[in-house]
């Protein structure tokens, strides 16, 4: 099983240490990584992983979790469920950066 913390990039403890744009990009990247991890867990617990490896033997079982992670990342890249945007807004407000909300 992969390390669930691995896709997240560490943020500086002192927010002004990074330019505002770089900080925002890092926050959005972490929000998307969190949503991808969440979606991968949802797919795994829904039985999608077992369906992928049903006739694949040991190799199918061994690599189905990696395939599920890739599917989850692609889902998030295509818009996901909107969870990353909400997490991003929360991270911005906690970070003290201005939050630009859109009414969607």
Protein backbone atom coordinates (compact mmCIF):
# COMPACT_ATOMS: atom_id res chain seq x y z
CA UNK A 1 0.00 0.00 0.00
CA UNK A 2 1.30 3.45 -0.84
CA UNK A 3 2.05 6.10 1.72
CA UNK A 4 -1.11 8.30 2.00
CA UNK A 5 1.00 11.36 2.87
CA UNK A 6 3.40 11.02 -0.07
CA UNK A 7 1.44 13.09 -2.65
CA UNK A 8 1.25 16.12 -0.37
CA UNK A 9 3.98 18.70 -0.60
CA UNK A 10 5.13 20.32 2.65
CA UNK A 11 4.23 23.98 3.01
CA UNK A 12 6.43 26.50 4.72
CA UNK A 13 5.48 27.08 8.35
CA UNK A 14 5.70 30.82 7.80
CA UNK A 15 3.24 31.79 5.02
CA UNK A 16 5.02 35.04 4.00
CA UNK A 17 8.16 32.99 3.22
CA UNK A 18 6.74 32.25 -0.25
CA UNK A 19 5.35 34.69 -2.80
CA UNK A 20 1.57 34.85 -2.78
CA UNK A 21 1.22 33.15 -6.18
CA UNK A 22 3.55 30.29 -5.30
CA UNK A 23 1.77 29.77 -1.99
CA UNK A 24 -1.63 29.66 -3.71
CA UNK A 25 -0.33 27.16 -6.28
CA UNK A 26 1.05 24.92 -3.52
CA UNK A 27 -2.25 25.10 -1.62
CA UNK A 28 -4.25 24.16 -4.74
CA UNK A 29 -1.86 21.32 -5.55
CA UNK A 30 -2.28 19.93 -2.03
CA UNK A 31 -6.06 20.33 -2.19
CA UNK A 32 -6.14 18.38 -5.47
CA UNK A 33 -3.86 15.69 -4.04
CA UNK A 34 -6.21 15.32 -1.07
CA UNK A 35 -9.25 15.03 -3.32
CA UNK A 36 -7.46 12.43 -5.47
CA UNK A 37 -6.64 10.38 -2.38
CA UNK A 38 -10.25 10.66 -1.21
CA UNK A 39 -11.62 9.62 -4.63
CA UNK A 40 -9.18 6.67 -4.77
CA UNK A 41 -10.42 5.49 -1.38
CA UNK A 42 -14.03 5.83 -2.53
CA UNK A 43 -13.30 3.80 -5.67
CA UNK A 44 -11.44 1.14 -3.71
CA UNK A 45 -14.19 0.73 -1.12
CA UNK A 46 -16.86 0.64 -3.81
CA UNK A 47 -15.32 -2.53 -5.24
CA UNK A 48 -13.81 -0.90 -8.31
CA UNK A 49 -10.35 -2.22 -7.45
CA UNK A 50 -11.63 -5.80 -7.25
CA UNK A 51 -13.50 -5.39 -10.53
CA UNK A 52 -10.31 -4.28 -12.26
CA UNK A 53 -8.35 -7.26 -10.98
CA UNK A 54 -11.06 -9.90 -11.30
CA UNK A 55 -9.34 -11.88 -14.09
CA UNK A 56 -5.86 -10.47 -13.70
CA UNK A 57 -4.44 -12.98 -11.27
CA UNK A 58 -1.76 -11.94 -8.81
CA UNK A 59 -0.47 -9.19 -11.12
CA UNK A 60 -3.94 -7.70 -11.40
CA UNK A 61 -4.34 -7.67 -7.65
CA UNK A 62 -0.90 -6.18 -7.12
CA UNK A 63 -1.33 -3.30 -9.54
CA UNK A 64 -5.05 -2.55 -9.33
CA UNK A 65 -4.51 -0.04 -6.50
CA UNK A 66 -2.02 1.86 -8.66
CA UNK A 67 -4.53 1.95 -11.50
CA UNK A 68 -7.26 3.18 -9.15
CA UNK A 69 -4.94 6.00 -8.00
CA UNK A 70 -4.33 7.01 -11.62
CA UNK A 71 -8.07 7.00 -12.35
CA UNK A 72 -8.66 9.15 -9.27
CA UNK A 73 -6.00 11.66 -10.35
CA UNK A 74 -7.53 11.87 -13.83
CA UNK A 75 -10.99 12.38 -12.34
CA UNK A 76 -9.70 15.26 -10.21
CA UNK A 77 -7.82 16.77 -13.19
CA UNK A 78 -11.09 16.75 -15.13
CA UNK A 79 -12.91 18.66 -12.38
CA UNK A 80 -13.49 16.01 -9.75
CA UNK A 81 -16.32 16.48 -7.30
CA UNK A 82 -15.45 20.06 -6.36
CA UNK A 83 -13.88 19.02 -3.09
CA UNK A 84 -10.46 20.47 -4.01
CA UNK A 85 -11.92 23.94 -4.55
CA UNK A 86 -13.65 23.91 -1.17
CA UNK A 87 -10.49 22.67 0.56
CA UNK A 88 -8.48 25.33 -1.28
CA UNK A 89 -10.82 28.07 -0.04
CA UNK A 90 -10.53 26.77 3.52
CA UNK A 91 -6.75 26.62 3.30
CA UNK A 92 -6.64 30.18 1.95
CA UNK A 93 -8.79 31.49 4.79
CA UNK A 94 -6.66 29.65 7.38
CA UNK A 95 -3.51 30.96 5.69
CA UNK A 96 -4.66 34.57 5.85
CA UNK A 97 -4.71 35.01 2.08
CA UNK A 98 -7.67 36.69 0.41
CA UNK A 99 -10.37 34.26 -0.62
CA UNK A 100 -11.95 34.85 -4.01
CA UNK A 101 -15.28 33.08 -3.86
CA UNK A 102 -17.46 32.30 -6.80
CA UNK A 103 -21.10 31.50 -6.36
CA UNK A 104 -21.50 28.17 -8.05
